[in-house]
Amino acid sequence: MATGASGGKPTIRTVAERAGVSKSLVSLVLRGSDQVRPEKREAVLAAVRELGYRPNAAARSLSEQRTRTVGVLLNDLRNPWFVDLLDGLNSLLHDNGLRMLLGDARLNRRLGQDLASPFLDLQVDGLVAVGTLPDPASLARVAERIPVVVAGSREPALPGVDVVAGDDTLGARLATEHLLSLGHRRIAHVSGHGAVGELRRRSFEATMAAHGLADDAHVEPGDLTEEGGYRAAVRLFGRPHRPTAVFAVNDMTSVGVVSAAEESGLRVPSELSVVGYDNTSISQLRHVWLTTVDNAGHDVGRRAARCLLDRFETSTRPAELQLTRPTLEVRGTTAAPPA
């Protein structure tokens, strides 16, 4: 274990001596300040590595009156799209000396706990709410005390709370128009709940209507899960004129649709085309290879982190809505309809 010049535990003073700089400059580097010349920053970081110095987080929190932690409240830890979002979120927060504390909104609700109050008890510096929460109004109380950003959803709309999400209207249109371009006319949509689910459903219906196919657009309710997608697909396949294509509200739902198709003896994509949404790691598995909408999760996360950092500096500015631009990833689950 590395030690300071006196043989004890390395301190900020020994780091400064090793790097040949002042203690205040070492503090600036450790806080991630951009007001330090590159060569000085590298000298400090080299000294930190050589000495094995670890800042005293508790002491720093007391001096700054900040914990340098950010609460992240997830709607559902099982949704793989959140992995990309969290990666983008954490990369920028980490670069600015902040750590994430994760919470599961579903678990809190089952236990009868307020969704966000545990983060207030931990005195986090800010909160990022990810996904469609079961009780979005609960964020209003938190937003009165600390900066809050909503990521990957469109609700709630609160004063001073920035919202960062994908353009769901555009994404749903891309998915529907892709199926139409292949020649499909009987297209169904397995929908989801919340504002995001509503935006995707409305865009699907509007796109079908714009092509004169409003009567062929069928919406089957789902719940954003694989099981919900499976059950919705079973109902769809039992209709007198089953769809030749399904656009699902997310990738998890799509997996359920594909499973139901296989059990019903329908081959994907020659007899049934399926499009998902989110471009999760599941959609990229070789045996799934799902055509899906890339919702730019990593970019959503980084933008949410930037909004939160800006809120720390200017807490009184008006709330802002930022939308990332989705793209269509065409893979192996879509093709022309059967003759």
Protein backbone atom coordinates (compact mmCIF):
# COMPACT_ATOMS: atom_id res chain seq x y z
CA MET A 1 0.00 0.00 0.00
CA ALA A 2 1.33 3.46 -0.94
CA THR A 3 1.97 5.93 1.86
CA GLY A 4 2.73 9.59 2.29
CA ALA A 5 6.18 11.06 2.85
CA SER A 6 5.96 10.40 6.59
CA GLY A 7 4.98 6.77 6.11
CA GLY A 8 1.32 7.35 6.98
CA LYS A 9 -1.82 7.43 4.89
CA PRO A 10 -1.48 9.76 1.87
CA THR A 11 -3.22 13.12 2.22
CA ILE A 12 -4.06 15.98 -0.09
CA ARG A 13 -0.87 17.67 1.15
CA THR A 14 1.35 14.76 0.11
CA VAL A 15 -0.38 14.63 -3.28
CA ALA A 16 0.32 18.36 -3.74
CA GLU A 17 3.97 17.90 -2.75
CA ARG A 18 4.44 14.96 -5.11
CA ALA A 19 2.81 16.85 -8.01
CA GLY A 20 4.58 20.14 -7.19
CA VAL A 21 1.34 22.12 -6.97
CA SER A 22 -0.78 23.76 -4.28
CA LYS A 23 -3.43 21.94 -2.21
CA SER A 24 -6.11 24.16 -3.70
CA LEU A 25 -5.17 23.06 -7.21
CA VAL A 26 -5.35 19.40 -6.14
CA SER A 27 -8.86 20.10 -4.83
CA LEU A 28 -9.85 21.62 -8.17
CA VAL A 29 -8.65 18.55 -10.05
CA LEU A 30 -10.46 16.16 -7.70
CA ARG A 31 -13.68 18.14 -8.17
CA GLY A 32 -13.41 17.80 -11.93
CA SER A 33 -12.91 21.52 -12.52
CA ASP A 34 -12.16 22.59 -16.10
CA GLN A 35 -10.09 25.55 -14.86
CA VAL A 36 -6.87 23.50 -14.58
CA ARG A 37 -4.25 23.27 -17.33
CA PRO A 38 -3.91 19.75 -18.81
CA GLU A 39 -0.30 19.26 -17.73
CA LYS A 40 -1.11 20.24 -14.12
CA ARG A 41 -4.16 17.95 -14.10
CA GLU A 42 -2.09 15.01 -15.33
CA ALA A 43 0.62 15.68 -12.70
CA VAL A 44 -2.00 15.62 -9.93
CA LEU A 45 -3.69 12.47 -11.26
CA ALA A 46 -0.30 10.75 -11.58
CA ALA A 47 0.50 11.63 -7.95
CA VAL A 48 -2.91 10.31 -6.86
CA ARG A 49 -2.24 7.00 -8.60
CA GLU A 50 1.32 6.67 -7.31
CA LEU A 51 0.38 7.43 -3.71
CA GLY A 52 -2.92 5.50 -3.75
CA TYR A 53 -4.70 8.58 -2.45
CA ARG A 54 -8.45 8.35 -1.86
CA PRO A 55 -10.36 11.54 -1.04
CA ASN A 56 -12.34 11.60 2.19
CA ALA A 57 -15.85 11.75 0.73
CA ALA A 58 -17.52 12.45 4.08
CA ALA A 59 -15.24 15.37 4.87
CA ARG A 60 -15.66 16.79 1.40
CA SER A 61 -19.44 16.54 1.65
CA LEU A 62 -19.39 18.46 4.91
CA SER A 63 -17.18 21.21 3.54
CA GLU A 64 -19.20 21.57 0.33
CA GLN A 65 -22.59 20.93 1.97
CA ARG A 66 -23.18 18.36 -0.77
CA THR A 67 -23.13 14.56 -0.81
CA ARG A 68 -22.06 14.42 -4.48
CA THR A 69 -24.65 11.70 -5.05
CA VAL A 70 -27.55 11.63 -7.50
CA GLY A 71 -30.65 9.54 -6.91
CA VAL A 72 -31.91 7.56 -9.91
CA LEU A 73 -35.47 6.28 -9.58
CA LEU A 74 -36.21 3.51 -12.11
CA ASN A 75 -39.72 2.53 -13.13
CA ASP A 76 -38.70 -1.10 -13.70
CA LEU A 77 -35.25 -2.59 -13.21
CA ARG A 78 -36.17 -5.42 -15.61
CA ASN A 79 -36.39 -3.18 -18.70
CA PRO A 80 -33.13 -3.64 -20.65
CA TRP A 81 -33.49 -0.26 -22.42
CA PHE A 82 -32.65 1.43 -19.14
CA VAL A 83 -29.16 -0.11 -19.25
CA ASP A 84 -28.17 2.10 -22.19
CA LEU A 85 -29.78 5.14 -20.59
CA LEU A 86 -27.98 4.55 -17.29
CA ASP A 87 -24.68 4.09 -19.11
CA GLY A 88 -25.04 7.50 -20.74
CA LEU A 89 -26.24 9.07 -17.49
CA ASN A 90 -23.47 7.63 -15.34
CA SER A 91 -20.64 8.45 -17.77
CA LEU A 92 -21.23 12.20 -17.52
CA LEU A 93 -22.08 12.19 -13.82
CA HIS A 94 -18.88 10.25 -13.07
CA ASP A 95 -16.83 12.70 -15.11
CA ASN A 96 -18.16 15.42 -12.82
CA GLY A 97 -17.39 13.59 -9.57
CA LEU A 98 -20.95 12.37 -8.88
CA ARG A 99 -22.17 8.92 -7.96
CA MET A 100 -25.54 7.29 -8.69
CA LEU A 101 -27.82 5.73 -6.09
CA LEU A 102 -30.45 3.47 -7.72
CA GLY A 103 -34.00 2.95 -6.49
CA ASP A 104 -36.81 0.69 -7.77
CA ALA A 105 -40.15 2.49 -7.99
CA ARG A 106 -42.08 -0.79 -8.29
CA LEU A 107 -40.55 -2.16 -5.09
CA ASN A 108 -41.21 1.06 -3.19
CA ARG A 109 -44.83 0.98 -4.27
CA ARG A 110 -45.31 -2.67 -3.22
CA LEU A 111 -43.85 -1.84 0.19
CA GLY A 112 -46.15 1.16 0.53
CA GLN A 113 -43.25 3.61 0.57
CA ASP A 114 -43.22 7.04 -1.01
CA LEU A 115 -41.40 6.78 -4.34
CA ALA A 116 -38.78 9.46 -3.83
CA SER A 117 -38.63 10.31 -0.11
CA PRO A 118 -35.83 7.76 0.62
CA PHE A 119 -33.57 9.82 -1.64
CA LEU A 120 -34.38 12.93 0.37
CA ASP A 121 -33.45 11.03 3.53
CA LEU A 122 -30.08 10.23 1.91
CA GLN A 123 -29.67 13.93 1.07
CA VAL A 124 -28.87 13.37 -2.60
CA ASP A 125 -27.95 16.49 -4.58
CA GLY A 126 -30.50 15.77 -7.31
CA LEU A 127 -32.84 13.14 -8.71
CA VAL A 128 -33.33 11.59 -12.15
CA ALA A 129 -36.63 9.76 -12.66
CA VAL A 130 -36.31 7.13 -15.40
CA GLY A 131 -39.32 5.73 -17.26
CA THR A 132 -43.06 5.97 -16.63
CA LEU A 133 -43.46 5.98 -12.85
CA PRO A 134 -46.56 4.50 -11.16
CA ASP A 135 -47.11 7.77 -9.26
CA PRO A 136 -45.43 10.58 -11.22
CA ALA A 137 -47.15 13.28 -9.14
CA SER A 138 -45.02 12.24 -6.16
CA LEU A 139 -42.05 13.93 -7.82
CA ALA A 140 -43.66 17.34 -7.33
CA ARG A 141 -42.82 17.34 -3.62
CA VAL A 142 -39.22 16.36 -4.30
CA ALA A 143 -38.80 18.96 -7.05
CA GLU A 144 -39.58 21.67 -4.51
CA ARG A 145 -36.44 20.72 -2.57
CA ILE A 146 -33.83 19.42 -5.02
CA PRO A 147 -33.24 19.52 -8.81
CA VAL A 148 -35.20 16.81 -10.65
CA VAL A 149 -34.93 15.59 -14.26
CA VAL A 150 -37.29 13.14 -15.99
CA ALA A 151 -35.58 10.81 -18.50
CA GLY A 152 -37.11 8.37 -20.97
CA SER A 153 -40.66 9.51 -20.26
CA ARG A 154 -42.89 12.52 -20.86
CA GLU A 155 -44.50 12.82 -17.45
CA PRO A 156 -44.94 14.50 -15.13
CA ALA A 157 -44.73 18.03 -16.51
CA LEU A 158 -43.69 20.10 -13.51
CA PRO A 159 -42.30 23.63 -13.11
CA GLY A 160 -38.52 23.60 -13.17
CA VAL A 161 -38.29 19.89 -14.09
CA ASP A 162 -36.52 19.17 -17.37
CA VAL A 163 -37.73 16.25 -19.50
CA VAL A 164 -35.43 14.30 -21.83
CA ALA A 165 -36.91 11.57 -24.00
CA GLY A 166 -37.00 10.11 -27.47
CA ASP A 167 -39.34 11.49 -30.12
CA ASP A 168 -41.96 8.75 -29.77
CA THR A 169 -44.23 10.23 -32.43
CA LEU A 170 -41.48 10.06 -35.04
CA GLY A 171 -40.30 6.64 -33.91
CA ALA A 172 -43.75 5.07 -34.17
CA ARG A 173 -44.21 6.61 -37.60
CA LEU A 174 -40.90 5.12 -38.78
CA ALA A 175 -41.96 1.66 -37.60
CA THR A 176 -45.42 1.85 -39.18
CA GLU A 177 -44.20 3.28 -42.48
CA HIS A 178 -41.58 0.52 -42.70
CA LEU A 179 -44.31 -2.12 -42.53
CA LEU A 180 -46.46 -0.21 -45.03
CA SER A 181 -43.51 0.06 -47.44
CA LEU A 182 -43.19 -3.74 -47.38
CA GLY A 183 -46.82 -4.04 -48.53
CA HIS A 184 -48.59 -4.76 -45.24
CA ARG A 185 -52.11 -3.39 -44.78
CA ARG A 186 -53.52 -5.32 -41.83
CA ILE A 187 -51.18 -4.01 -39.15
CA ALA A 188 -51.80 -4.27 -35.40
CA HIS A 189 -50.20 -2.35 -32.57
CA VAL A 190 -49.66 -3.82 -29.11
CA SER A 191 -49.80 -0.70 -26.97
CA GLY A 192 -48.45 0.33 -23.57
CA HIS A 193 -49.52 2.61 -20.76
CA GLY A 194 -48.40 6.09 -19.77
CA ALA A 195 -47.64 9.13 -21.90
CA VAL A 196 -44.99 7.32 -23.96
CA GLY A 197 -47.37 4.47 -24.79
CA GLU A 198 -50.06 6.98 -25.71
CA LEU A 199 -47.76 8.91 -28.05
CA ARG A 200 -46.69 5.74 -29.87
CA ARG A 201 -50.28 4.52 -30.21
CA ARG A 202 -51.54 7.84 -31.56
CA SER A 203 -48.70 8.05 -34.06
CA PHE A 204 -49.42 4.51 -35.29
CA GLU A 205 -53.10 5.35 -35.77
CA ALA A 206 -52.33 8.68 -37.45
CA THR A 207 -49.85 7.06 -39.87
CA MET A 208 -52.32 4.33 -40.81
CA ALA A 209 -55.07 6.94 -41.33
CA ALA A 210 -52.75 9.06 -43.50
CA HIS A 211 -52.45 6.04 -45.84
CA GLY A 212 -56.22 5.49 -45.90
CA LEU A 213 -55.99 2.44 -43.64
CA ALA A 214 -57.69 3.64 -40.47
CA ASP A 215 -60.12 0.67 -40.56
CA ASP A 216 -57.21 -1.78 -40.79
CA ALA A 217 -55.37 -0.34 -37.77
CA HIS A 218 -56.09 -2.47 -34.73
CA VAL A 219 -54.75 -1.66 -31.26
CA GLU A 220 -54.44 -4.43 -28.69
CA PRO A 221 -53.61 -3.28 -25.13
CA GLY A 222 -50.43 -4.54 -23.49
CA ASP A 223 -48.43 -3.73 -20.36
CA LEU A 224 -44.83 -3.28 -21.69
CA THR A 225 -43.83 -6.82 -20.62
CA GLU A 226 -43.05 -10.03 -22.52
CA GLU A 227 -46.04 -11.75 -20.94
CA GLY A 228 -48.30 -8.85 -21.89
CA GLY A 229 -47.05 -9.05 -25.47
CA TYR A 230 -47.68 -12.79 -25.58
CA ARG A 231 -51.25 -12.49 -24.33
CA ALA A 232 -52.03 -9.61 -26.66
CA ALA A 233 -50.68 -11.57 -29.63
CA VAL A 234 -52.79 -14.64 -28.75
CA ARG A 235 -55.88 -12.42 -28.84
CA LEU A 236 -54.80 -10.90 -32.16
CA PHE A 237 -54.19 -14.29 -33.79
CA GLY A 238 -57.65 -15.42 -32.75
CA ARG A 239 -59.33 -12.69 -34.79
CA PRO A 240 -61.14 -13.63 -38.05
CA HIS A 241 -58.72 -11.53 -40.10
CA ARG A 242 -55.46 -11.72 -38.22
CA PRO A 243 -52.82 -9.05 -38.90
CA THR A 244 -49.90 -9.77 -41.19
CA ALA A 245 -47.68 -7.44 -39.12
CA VAL A 246 -47.41 -6.27 -35.53
CA PHE A 247 -45.76 -3.12 -34.26
CA ALA A 248 -45.11 -3.53 -30.53
CA VAL A 249 -44.67 -0.73 -28.02
CA ASN A 250 -41.24 -2.03 -26.94
CA ASP A 251 -38.78 -4.86 -27.49
CA MET A 252 -39.93 -6.85 -24.45
CA THR A 253 -43.47 -6.87 -25.82
CA SER A 254 -42.12 -7.92 -29.24
CA VAL A 255 -40.44 -10.98 -27.76
CA GLY A 256 -43.81 -12.05 -26.38
CA VAL A 257 -45.42 -11.53 -29.78
CA VAL A 258 -42.77 -13.67 -31.51
CA SER A 259 -43.22 -16.43 -28.90
CA ALA A 260 -46.99 -16.46 -29.47
CA ALA A 261 -46.46 -16.57 -33.24
CA GLU A 262 -44.17 -19.60 -32.94
CA GLU A 263 -46.68 -21.43 -30.74
CA SER A 264 -49.43 -20.62 -33.25
CA GLY A 265 -47.41 -22.04 -36.12
CA LEU A 266 -46.77 -18.65 -37.72
CA ARG A 267 -43.31 -18.18 -39.20
CA VAL A 268 -41.56 -14.83 -38.62
CA PRO A 269 -41.12 -12.98 -40.94
CA SER A 270 -42.57 -14.94 -43.89
CA GLU A 271 -46.05 -15.15 -42.34
CA LEU A 272 -45.89 -12.42 -39.71
CA SER A 273 -43.66 -9.36 -39.49
CA VAL A 274 -42.80 -7.89 -36.07
CA VAL A 275 -41.29 -4.50 -35.20
CA GLY A 276 -40.21 -3.55 -31.70
CA TYR A 277 -39.07 -0.34 -30.06
CA ASP A 278 -35.94 0.62 -28.07
CA ASN A 279 -33.18 -1.39 -29.81
CA THR A 280 -32.25 -3.16 -26.59
CA SER A 281 -29.56 -5.81 -26.27
CA ILE A 282 -32.33 -8.43 -26.52
CA SER A 283 -33.25 -7.24 -30.02
CA GLN A 284 -29.65 -7.72 -31.10
CA LEU A 285 -29.37 -11.38 -30.05
CA ARG A 286 -28.76 -13.51 -33.14
CA HIS A 287 -31.71 -15.82 -32.57
CA VAL A 288 -34.01 -12.81 -32.09
CA TRP A 289 -32.53 -10.27 -34.56
CA LEU A 290 -35.50 -7.96 -34.15
CA THR A 291 -36.34 -5.06 -36.42
CA THR A 292 -36.79 -2.19 -33.98
CA VAL A 293 -36.65 1.55 -33.39
CA ASP A 294 -33.44 2.82 -31.82
CA ASN A 295 -34.56 5.29 -29.18
CA ALA A 296 -31.04 6.68 -28.52
CA GLY A 297 -31.02 5.60 -24.88
CA HIS A 298 -27.36 6.49 -24.28
CA ASP A 299 -27.92 9.98 -25.65
CA VAL A 300 -31.05 10.40 -23.50
CA GLY A 301 -28.99 9.51 -20.43
CA ARG A 302 -26.16 11.93 -21.22
CA ARG A 303 -28.59 14.75 -21.96
CA ALA A 304 -30.43 14.08 -18.69
CA ALA A 305 -27.12 14.27 -16.81
CA ARG A 306 -26.27 17.56 -18.54
CA CYS A 307 -29.68 18.99 -17.62
CA LEU A 308 -29.12 18.04 -13.98
CA LEU A 309 -25.63 19.55 -13.92
CA ASP A 310 -27.04 22.75 -15.43
CA ARG A 311 -29.79 22.77 -12.77
CA PHE A 312 -27.12 22.71 -10.07
CA GLU A 313 -25.78 25.94 -11.54
CA THR A 314 -29.07 27.66 -12.47
CA SER A 315 -32.00 26.19 -10.58
CA THR A 316 -34.52 28.87 -11.49
CA ARG A 317 -34.54 28.60 -15.30
CA PRO A 318 -37.77 27.42 -17.02
CA ALA A 319 -38.33 23.71 -17.57
CA GLU A 320 -37.03 22.34 -20.87
CA LEU A 321 -38.16 19.46 -23.10
CA GLN A 322 -35.42 17.75 -25.11
CA LEU A 323 -36.23 15.04 -27.66
CA THR A 324 -33.65 12.74 -29.23
CA ARG A 325 -34.16 11.59 -32.83
CA PRO A 326 -34.93 7.87 -33.22
CA THR A 327 -33.82 5.70 -36.13
CA LEU A 328 -35.08 2.42 -37.55
CA GLU A 329 -32.89 -0.69 -37.29
CA VAL A 330 -34.04 -3.17 -39.94
CA ARG A 331 -33.10 -6.76 -39.05
CA GLY A 332 -34.66 -10.17 -39.54
CA THR A 333 -38.26 -10.01 -38.31
CA THR A 334 -39.84 -8.00 -41.13
CA ALA A 335 -40.57 -8.94 -44.75
CA ALA A 336 -43.29 -8.57 -47.37
CA PRO A 337 -46.65 -10.09 -46.41
CA PRO A 338 -47.60 -13.53 -47.73
CA ALA A 339 -49.22 -13.47 -51.15
